[in-house]
Amino acid sequence: MSSVTMSSKGWVVIPAVYRKKYRMKAGSSVEVVDYGGGLSLVPSFEEATREAQGLLRGGSSLTQALVRERRKERDHEHRKGR
């Protein structure tokens, strides 16, 4: 856990170790979550969605992979006599 100091304008600096860990840079958006006694800064979901766009493009279909895996499980269960 790190301690930060708030400026007179309400600004806080997120320590470099966390900026690197969560890939935050100038202009990154964060959500302030009030837990009723504590605050958390959470990277904005909207930004995460934008970064993930196209991540699986060109890869195999997840649905097809799940169907293949289920078929293998059924074959295995059939061979065991279930």
PDB file of N, CA and C in Angstrom:
ATOM      1  N   MET A   1       0.851  -1.160   0.000  1.00  0.00           N
ATOM      2  CA  MET A   1       0.000   0.000   0.000  1.00  0.00           C
ATOM      3  C   MET A   1       0.902   1.230   0.000  1.00  0.00           C
ATOM      4  N   SER A   2       0.500   2.251  -0.748  1.00  0.00           N
ATOM      5  CA  SER A   2       1.252   3.489  -0.821  1.00  0.00           C
ATOM      6  C   SER A   2       0.414   4.628  -0.283  1.00  0.00           C
ATOM      7  N   SER A   3       1.090   5.617   0.243  1.00  0.00           N
ATOM      8  CA  SER A   3       0.417   6.810   0.742  1.00  0.00           C
ATOM      9  C   SER A   3       0.704   7.962  -0.211  1.00  0.00           C
ATOM     10  N   VAL A   4      -0.321   8.734  -0.546  1.00  0.00           N
ATOM     11  CA  VAL A   4      -0.159   9.895  -1.411  1.00  0.00           C
ATOM     12  C   VAL A   4      -0.742  11.111  -0.702  1.00  0.00           C
ATOM     13  N   THR A   5      -0.328  12.289  -1.115  1.00  0.00           N
ATOM     14  CA  THR A   5      -0.821  13.528  -0.530  1.00  0.00           C
ATOM     15  C   THR A   5      -1.649  14.267  -1.560  1.00  0.00           C
ATOM     16  N   MET A   6      -2.784  14.788  -1.133  1.00  0.00           N
ATOM     17  CA  MET A   6      -3.663  15.512  -2.035  1.00  0.00           C
ATOM     18  C   MET A   6      -3.246  16.980  -2.085  1.00  0.00           C
ATOM     19  N   SER A   7      -3.251  17.553  -3.287  1.00  0.00           N
ATOM     20  CA  SER A   7      -2.916  18.967  -3.449  1.00  0.00           C
ATOM     21  C   SER A   7      -4.114  19.826  -3.066  1.00  0.00           C
ATOM     22  N   SER A   8      -3.918  21.130  -3.030  1.00  0.00           N
ATOM     23  CA  SER A   8      -5.017  22.047  -2.696  1.00  0.00           C
ATOM     24  C   SER A   8      -6.136  21.993  -3.738  1.00  0.00           C
ATOM     25  N   LYS A   9      -5.826  21.511  -4.937  1.00  0.00           N
ATOM     26  CA  LYS A   9      -6.838  21.376  -5.995  1.00  0.00           C
ATOM     27  C   LYS A   9      -7.495  19.997  -5.994  1.00  0.00           C
ATOM     28  N   GLY A  10      -7.113  19.135  -5.060  1.00  0.00           N
ATOM     29  CA  GLY A  10      -7.695  17.805  -4.989  1.00  0.00           C
ATOM     30  C   GLY A  10      -6.969  16.779  -5.834  1.00  0.00           C
ATOM     31  N   TRP A  11      -5.832  17.129  -6.389  1.00  0.00           N
ATOM     32  CA  TRP A  11      -5.068  16.208  -7.219  1.00  0.00           C
ATOM     33  C   TRP A  11      -4.261  15.254  -6.360  1.00  0.00           C
ATOM     34  N   VAL A  12      -4.160  14.015  -6.820  1.00  0.00           N
ATOM     35  CA  VAL A  12      -3.251  13.043  -6.204  1.00  0.00           C
ATOM     36  C   VAL A  12      -2.419  12.432  -7.323  1.00  0.00           C
ATOM     37  N   VAL A  13      -1.224  12.023  -6.986  1.00  0.00           N
ATOM     38  CA  VAL A  13      -0.347  11.383  -7.962  1.00  0.00           C
ATOM     39  C   VAL A  13      -0.366   9.892  -7.692  1.00  0.00           C
ATOM     40  N   ILE A  14      -0.705   9.118  -8.708  1.00  0.00           N
ATOM     41  CA  ILE A  14      -0.686   7.654  -8.580  1.00  0.00           C
ATOM     42  C   ILE A  14       0.773   7.227  -8.709  1.00  0.00           C
ATOM     43  N   PRO A  15       1.298   6.486  -7.730  1.00  0.00           N
ATOM     44  CA  PRO A  15       2.706   6.072  -7.772  1.00  0.00           C
ATOM     45  C   PRO A  15       3.055   5.334  -9.071  1.00  0.00           C
ATOM     46  N   ALA A  16       4.267   5.564  -9.545  1.00  0.00           N
ATOM     47  CA  ALA A  16       4.731   5.005 -10.819  1.00  0.00           C
ATOM     48  C   ALA A  16       4.571   3.491 -10.888  1.00  0.00           C
ATOM     49  N   VAL A  17       4.819   2.800  -9.792  1.00  0.00           N
ATOM     50  CA  VAL A  17       4.723   1.336  -9.804  1.00  0.00           C
ATOM     51  C   VAL A  17       3.309   0.889 -10.203  1.00  0.00           C
ATOM     52  N   TYR A  18       2.282   1.609  -9.732  1.00  0.00           N
ATOM     53  CA  TYR A  18       0.908   1.250 -10.073  1.00  0.00           C
ATOM     54  C   TYR A  18       0.528   1.720 -11.469  1.00  0.00           C
ATOM     55  N   ARG A  19       1.059   2.865 -11.892  1.00  0.00           N
ATOM     56  CA  ARG A  19       0.793   3.328 -13.267  1.00  0.00           C
ATOM     57  C   ARG A  19       1.337   2.321 -14.264  1.00  0.00           C
ATOM     58  N   LYS A  20       2.518   1.793 -13.986  1.00  0.00           N
ATOM     59  CA  LYS A  20       3.112   0.783 -14.884  1.00  0.00           C
ATOM     60  C   LYS A  20       2.316  -0.514 -14.831  1.00  0.00           C
ATOM     61  N   LYS A  21       1.995  -0.959 -13.617  1.00  0.00           N
ATOM     62  CA  LYS A  21       1.284  -2.230 -13.438  1.00  0.00           C
ATOM     63  C   LYS A  21      -0.053  -2.234 -14.172  1.00  0.00           C
ATOM     64  N   TYR A  22      -0.788  -1.101 -14.117  1.00  0.00           N
ATOM     65  CA  TYR A  22      -2.112  -1.028 -14.716  1.00  0.00           C
ATOM     66  C   TYR A  22      -2.107  -0.296 -16.055  1.00  0.00           C
ATOM     67  N   ARG A  23      -0.912  -0.111 -16.609  1.00  0.00           N
ATOM     68  CA  ARG A  23      -0.732   0.495 -17.938  1.00  0.00           C
ATOM     69  C   ARG A  23      -1.465   1.829 -18.071  1.00  0.00           C
ATOM     70  N   MET A  24      -1.304   2.658 -17.073  1.00  0.00           N
ATOM     71  CA  MET A  24      -1.942   3.973 -17.075  1.00  0.00           C
ATOM     72  C   MET A  24      -0.951   4.995 -17.615  1.00  0.00           C
ATOM     73  N   LYS A  25      -1.477   5.944 -18.362  1.00  0.00           N
ATOM     74  CA  LYS A  25      -0.639   7.011 -18.901  1.00  0.00           C
ATOM     75  C   LYS A  25      -1.418   8.311 -18.832  1.00  0.00           C
ATOM     76  N   ALA A  26      -0.801   9.405 -19.201  1.00  0.00           N
ATOM     77  CA  ALA A  26      -1.479  10.705 -19.181  1.00  0.00           C
ATOM     78  C   ALA A  26      -2.771  10.601 -19.986  1.00  0.00           C
ATOM     79  N   GLY A  27      -3.853  11.045 -19.417  1.00  0.00           N
ATOM     80  CA  GLY A  27      -5.152  10.988 -20.091  1.00  0.00           C
ATOM     81  C   GLY A  27      -5.962   9.745 -19.777  1.00  0.00           C
ATOM     82  N   SER A  28      -5.363   8.769 -19.075  1.00  0.00           N
ATOM     83  CA  SER A  28      -6.109   7.562 -18.695  1.00  0.00           C
ATOM     84  C   SER A  28      -7.267   7.951 -17.786  1.00  0.00           C
ATOM     85  N   SER A  29      -8.367   7.260 -17.932  1.00  0.00           N
ATOM     86  CA  SER A  29      -9.564   7.547 -17.145  1.00  0.00           C
ATOM     87  C   SER A  29      -9.690   6.528 -16.015  1.00  0.00           C
ATOM     88  N   VAL A  30     -10.067   7.011 -14.823  1.00  0.00           N
ATOM     89  CA  VAL A  30     -10.300   6.130 -13.687  1.00  0.00           C
ATOM     90  C   VAL A  30     -11.647   6.461 -13.072  1.00  0.00           C
ATOM     91  N   GLU A  31     -12.252   5.477 -12.459  1.00  0.00           N
ATOM     92  CA  GLU A  31     -13.503   5.657 -11.738  1.00  0.00           C
ATOM     93  C   GLU A  31     -13.166   5.771 -10.251  1.00  0.00           C
ATOM     94  N   VAL A  32     -13.836   6.669  -9.545  1.00  0.00           N
ATOM     95  CA  VAL A  32     -13.687   6.791  -8.103  1.00  0.00           C
ATOM     96  C   VAL A  32     -14.867   6.055  -7.489  1.00  0.00           C
ATOM     97  N   VAL A  33     -14.578   5.021  -6.694  1.00  0.00           N
ATOM     98  CA  VAL A  33     -15.611   4.193  -6.086  1.00  0.00           C
ATOM     99  C   VAL A  33     -15.633   4.476  -4.587  1.00  0.00           C
ATOM    100  N   ASP A  34     -16.818   4.846  -4.063  1.00  0.00           N
ATOM    101  CA  ASP A  34     -16.996   5.140  -2.641  1.00  0.00           C
ATOM    102  C   ASP A  34     -17.555   3.893  -1.957  1.00  0.00           C
ATOM    103  N   TYR A  35     -16.770   3.312  -1.068  1.00  0.00           N
ATOM    104  CA  TYR A  35     -17.194   2.122  -0.337  1.00  0.00           C
ATOM    105  C   TYR A  35     -17.767   2.467   1.028  1.00  0.00           C
ATOM    106  N   GLY A  36     -18.144   3.733   1.226  1.00  0.00           N
ATOM    107  CA  GLY A  36     -18.708   4.133   2.515  1.00  0.00           C
ATOM    108  C   GLY A  36     -17.682   4.017   3.622  1.00  0.00           C
ATOM    109  N   GLY A  37     -16.666   4.807   3.564  1.00  0.00           N
ATOM    110  CA  GLY A  37     -15.592   4.742   4.548  1.00  0.00           C
ATOM    111  C   GLY A  37     -14.248   4.577   3.869  1.00  0.00           C
ATOM    112  N   GLY A  38     -14.265   4.340   2.591  1.00  0.00           N
ATOM    113  CA  GLY A  38     -13.031   4.188   1.821  1.00  0.00           C
ATOM    114  C   GLY A  38     -13.281   4.500   0.357  1.00  0.00           C
ATOM    115  N   LEU A  39     -12.262   5.007  -0.312  1.00  0.00           N
ATOM    116  CA  LEU A  39     -12.341   5.301  -1.741  1.00  0.00           C
ATOM    117  C   LEU A  39     -11.365   4.412  -2.489  1.00  0.00           C
ATOM    118  N   SER A  40     -11.736   4.030  -3.697  1.00  0.00           N
ATOM    119  CA  SER A  40     -10.840   3.274  -4.572  1.00  0.00           C
ATOM    120  C   SER A  40     -10.810   3.936  -5.932  1.00  0.00           C
ATOM    121  N   LEU A  41      -9.653   3.895  -6.570  1.00  0.00           N
ATOM    122  CA  LEU A  41      -9.520   4.331  -7.950  1.00  0.00           C
ATOM    123  C   LEU A  41      -9.452   3.073  -8.803  1.00  0.00           C
ATOM    124  N   VAL A  42     -10.339   2.982  -9.783  1.00  0.00           N
ATOM    125  CA  VAL A  42     -10.423   1.796 -10.626  1.00  0.00           C
ATOM    126  C   VAL A  42     -10.309   2.234 -12.083  1.00  0.00           C
ATOM    127  N   PRO A  43      -9.399   1.614 -12.863  1.00  0.00           N
ATOM    128  CA  PRO A  43      -9.312   1.979 -14.272  1.00  0.00           C
ATOM    129  C   PRO A  43     -10.693   1.874 -14.925  1.00  0.00           C
ATOM    130  N   SER A  44     -11.021   2.852 -15.737  1.00  0.00           N
ATOM    131  CA  SER A  44     -12.336   2.909 -16.368  1.00  0.00           C
ATOM    132  C   SER A  44     -12.574   1.701 -17.254  1.00  0.00           C
ATOM    133  N   PHE A  45     -13.742   1.061 -17.108  1.00  0.00           N
ATOM    134  CA  PHE A  45     -14.102  -0.112 -17.902  1.00  0.00           C
ATOM    135  C   PHE A  45     -14.165   0.238 -19.385  1.00  0.00           C
ATOM    136  N   GLU A  46     -14.652   1.426 -19.689  1.00  0.00           N
ATOM    137  CA  GLU A  46     -14.770   1.854 -21.078  1.00  0.00           C
ATOM    138  C   GLU A  46     -13.421   1.815 -21.777  1.00  0.00           C
ATOM    139  N   GLU A  47     -12.371   2.240 -21.082  1.00  0.00           N
ATOM    140  CA  GLU A  47     -11.039   2.241 -21.664  1.00  0.00           C
ATOM    141  C   GLU A  47     -10.538   0.806 -21.857  1.00  0.00           C
ATOM    142  N   ALA A  48     -10.818  -0.063 -20.905  1.00  0.00           N
ATOM    143  CA  ALA A  48     -10.401  -1.463 -21.025  1.00  0.00           C
ATOM    144  C   ALA A  48     -11.068  -2.123 -22.222  1.00  0.00           C
ATOM    145  N   THR A  49     -12.344  -1.797 -22.450  1.00  0.00           N
ATOM    146  CA  THR A  49     -13.060  -2.351 -23.591  1.00  0.00           C
ATOM    147  C   THR A  49     -12.421  -1.891 -24.886  1.00  0.00           C
ATOM    148  N   ARG A  50     -12.078  -0.612 -24.949  1.00  0.00           N
ATOM    149  CA  ARG A  50     -11.466  -0.064 -26.158  1.00  0.00           C
ATOM    150  C   ARG A  50     -10.127  -0.732 -26.430  1.00  0.00           C
ATOM    151  N   GLU A  51      -9.328  -0.958 -25.376  1.00  0.00           N
ATOM    152  CA  GLU A  51      -8.028  -1.594 -25.550  1.00  0.00           C
ATOM    153  C   GLU A  51      -8.154  -3.041 -26.005  1.00  0.00           C
ATOM    154  N   ALA A  52      -9.236  -3.724 -25.613  1.00  0.00           N
ATOM    155  CA  ALA A  52      -9.414  -5.133 -25.943  1.00  0.00           C
ATOM    156  C   ALA A  52     -10.021  -5.352 -27.328  1.00  0.00           C
ATOM    157  N   GLN A  53     -10.515  -4.305 -27.958  1.00  0.00           N
ATOM    158  CA  GLN A  53     -11.132  -4.473 -29.275  1.00  0.00           C
ATOM    159  C   GLN A  53     -10.133  -5.082 -30.242  1.00  0.00           C
ATOM    160  N   GLY A  54     -10.569  -6.093 -30.951  1.00  0.00           N
ATOM    161  CA  GLY A  54      -9.731  -6.742 -31.948  1.00  0.00           C
ATOM    162  C   GLY A  54      -8.741  -7.733 -31.364  1.00  0.00           C
ATOM    163  N   LEU A  55      -8.772  -7.943 -30.066  1.00  0.00           N
ATOM    164  CA  LEU A  55      -7.818  -8.827 -29.418  1.00  0.00           C
ATOM    165  C   LEU A  55      -7.869 -10.245 -29.995  1.00  0.00           C
ATOM    166  N   LEU A  56      -9.069 -10.735 -30.257  1.00  0.00           N
ATOM    167  CA  LEU A  56      -9.227 -12.109 -30.748  1.00  0.00           C
ATOM    168  C   LEU A  56      -9.402 -12.190 -32.260  1.00  0.00           C
ATOM    169  N   ARG A  57      -9.343 -11.060 -32.924  1.00  0.00           N
ATOM    170  CA  ARG A  57      -9.537 -11.048 -34.372  1.00  0.00           C
ATOM    171  C   ARG A  57      -8.510 -11.956 -35.045  1.00  0.00           C
ATOM    172  N   GLY A  58      -8.974 -12.782 -35.945  1.00  0.00           N
ATOM    173  CA  GLY A  58      -8.085 -13.667 -36.669  1.00  0.00           C
ATOM    174  C   GLY A  58      -7.789 -14.962 -35.932  1.00  0.00           C
ATOM    175  N   GLY A  59      -8.193 -15.052 -34.679  1.00  0.00           N
ATOM    176  CA  GLY A  59      -7.950 -16.260 -33.906  1.00  0.00           C
ATOM    177  C   GLY A  59      -9.072 -17.267 -34.122  1.00  0.00           C
ATOM    178  N   SER A  60      -8.951 -18.406 -33.485  1.00  0.00           N
ATOM    179  CA  SER A  60      -9.991 -19.421 -33.624  1.00  0.00           C
ATOM    180  C   SER A  60     -11.235 -19.001 -32.846  1.00  0.00           C
ATOM    181  N   SER A  61     -12.363 -19.526 -33.250  1.00  0.00           N
ATOM    182  CA  SER A  61     -13.635 -19.206 -32.610  1.00  0.00           C
ATOM    183  C   SER A  61     -13.696 -19.850 -31.230  1.00  0.00           C
ATOM    184  N   LEU A  62     -14.053 -19.071 -30.236  1.00  0.00           N
ATOM    185  CA  LEU A  62     -14.188 -19.599 -28.881  1.00  0.00           C
ATOM    186  C   LEU A  62     -15.303 -20.635 -28.832  1.00  0.00           C
ATOM    187  N   THR A  63     -16.393 -20.379 -29.534  1.00  0.00           N
ATOM    188  CA  THR A  63     -17.506 -21.329 -29.559  1.00  0.00           C
ATOM    189  C   THR A  63     -17.064 -22.659 -30.145  1.00  0.00           C
ATOM    190  N   GLN A  64     -16.337 -22.618 -31.238  1.00  0.00           N
ATOM    191  CA  GLN A  64     -15.859 -23.860 -31.857  1.00  0.00           C
ATOM    192  C   GLN A  64     -14.916 -24.602 -30.924  1.00  0.00           C
ATOM    193  N   ALA A  65     -14.067 -23.870 -30.219  1.00  0.00           N
ATOM    194  CA  ALA A  65     -13.139 -24.509 -29.278  1.00  0.00           C
ATOM    195  C   ALA A  65     -13.901 -25.182 -28.143  1.00  0.00           C
ATOM    196  N   LEU A  66     -14.950 -24.534 -27.633  1.00  0.00           N
ATOM    197  CA  LEU A  66     -15.755 -25.129 -26.562  1.00  0.00           C
ATOM    198  C   LEU A  66     -16.495 -26.373 -27.043  1.00  0.00           C
ATOM    199  N   VAL A  67     -17.024 -26.339 -28.262  1.00  0.00           N
ATOM    200  CA  VAL A  67     -17.720 -27.502 -28.825  1.00  0.00           C
ATOM    201  C   VAL A  67     -16.744 -28.667 -28.978  1.00  0.00           C
ATOM    202  N   ARG A  68     -15.538 -28.397 -29.473  1.00  0.00           N
ATOM    203  CA  ARG A  68     -14.529 -29.460 -29.624  1.00  0.00           C
ATOM    204  C   ARG A  68     -14.171 -30.064 -28.267  1.00  0.00           C
ATOM    205  N   GLU A  69     -13.993 -29.199 -27.268  1.00  0.00           N
ATOM    206  CA  GLU A  69     -13.634 -29.686 -25.937  1.00  0.00           C
ATOM    207  C   GLU A  69     -14.744 -30.537 -25.343  1.00  0.00           C
ATOM    208  N   ARG A  70     -15.991 -30.119 -25.513  1.00  0.00           N
ATOM    209  CA  ARG A  70     -17.129 -30.899 -24.992  1.00  0.00           C
ATOM    210  C   ARG A  70     -17.227 -32.238 -25.706  1.00  0.00           C
ATOM    211  N   ARG A  71     -16.962 -32.256 -27.006  1.00  0.00           N
ATOM    212  CA  ARG A  71     -16.990 -33.501 -27.768  1.00  0.00           C
ATOM    213  C   ARG A  71     -15.942 -34.471 -27.222  1.00  0.00           C
ATOM    214  N   LYS A  72     -14.739 -33.952 -26.909  1.00  0.00           N
ATOM    215  CA  LYS A  72     -13.686 -34.800 -26.335  1.00  0.00           C
ATOM    216  C   LYS A  72     -14.126 -35.372 -24.996  1.00  0.00           C
ATOM    217  N   GLU A  73     -14.774 -34.546 -24.159  1.00  0.00           N
ATOM    218  CA  GLU A  73     -15.249 -35.005 -22.857  1.00  0.00           C
ATOM    219  C   GLU A  73     -16.284 -36.111 -23.012  1.00  0.00           C
ATOM    220  N   ARG A  74     -17.221 -35.943 -23.950  1.00  0.00           N
ATOM    221  CA  ARG A  74     -18.247 -36.976 -24.167  1.00  0.00           C
ATOM    222  C   ARG A  74     -17.624 -38.271 -24.649  1.00  0.00           C
ATOM    223  N   ASP A  75     -16.648 -38.177 -25.573  1.00  0.00           N
ATOM    224  CA  ASP A  75     -15.968 -39.374 -26.064  1.00  0.00           C
ATOM    225  C   ASP A  75     -15.248 -40.084 -24.921  1.00  0.00           C
ATOM    226  N   HIS A  76     -14.601 -39.320 -24.062  1.00  0.00           N
ATOM    227  CA  HIS A  76     -13.878 -39.879 -22.930  1.00  0.00           C
ATOM    228  C   HIS A  76     -14.853 -40.574 -21.969  1.00  0.00           C
ATOM    229  N   GLU A  77     -15.997 -39.923 -21.684  1.00  0.00           N
ATOM    230  CA  GLU A  77     -16.996 -40.519 -20.797  1.00  0.00           C
ATOM    231  C   GLU A  77     -17.584 -41.784 -21.414  1.00  0.00           C
ATOM    232  N   HIS A  78     -17.807 -41.787 -22.729  1.00  0.00           N
ATOM    233  CA  HIS A  78     -18.368 -42.953 -23.420  1.00  0.00           C
ATOM    234  C   HIS A  78     -17.403 -44.137 -23.314  1.00  0.00           C
ATOM    235  N   ARG A  79     -16.112 -43.875 -23.492  1.00  0.00           N
ATOM    236  CA  ARG A  79     -15.111 -44.946 -23.425  1.00  0.00           C
ATOM    237  C   ARG A  79     -14.997 -45.528 -22.017  1.00  0.00           C
ATOM    238  N   LYS A  80     -15.282 -44.718 -20.995  1.00  0.00           N
ATOM    239  CA  LYS A  80     -15.219 -45.191 -19.620  1.00  0.00           C
ATOM    240  C   LYS A  80     -16.474 -45.959 -19.244  1.00  0.00           C
ATOM    241  N   GLY A  81     -17.497 -45.952 -20.125  1.00  0.00           N
ATOM    242  CA  GLY A  81     -18.713 -46.703 -19.885  1.00  0.00           C
ATOM    243  C   GLY A  81     -19.734 -45.976 -19.047  1.00  0.00           C
ATOM    244  N   ARG A  82     -19.722 -44.675 -19.038  1.00  0.00           N
ATOM    245  CA  ARG A  82     -20.692 -43.912 -18.242  1.00  0.00           C
ATOM    246  C   ARG A  82     -21.975 -43.733 -18.963  1.00  0.00           C
TER     247      ARG A  82
END
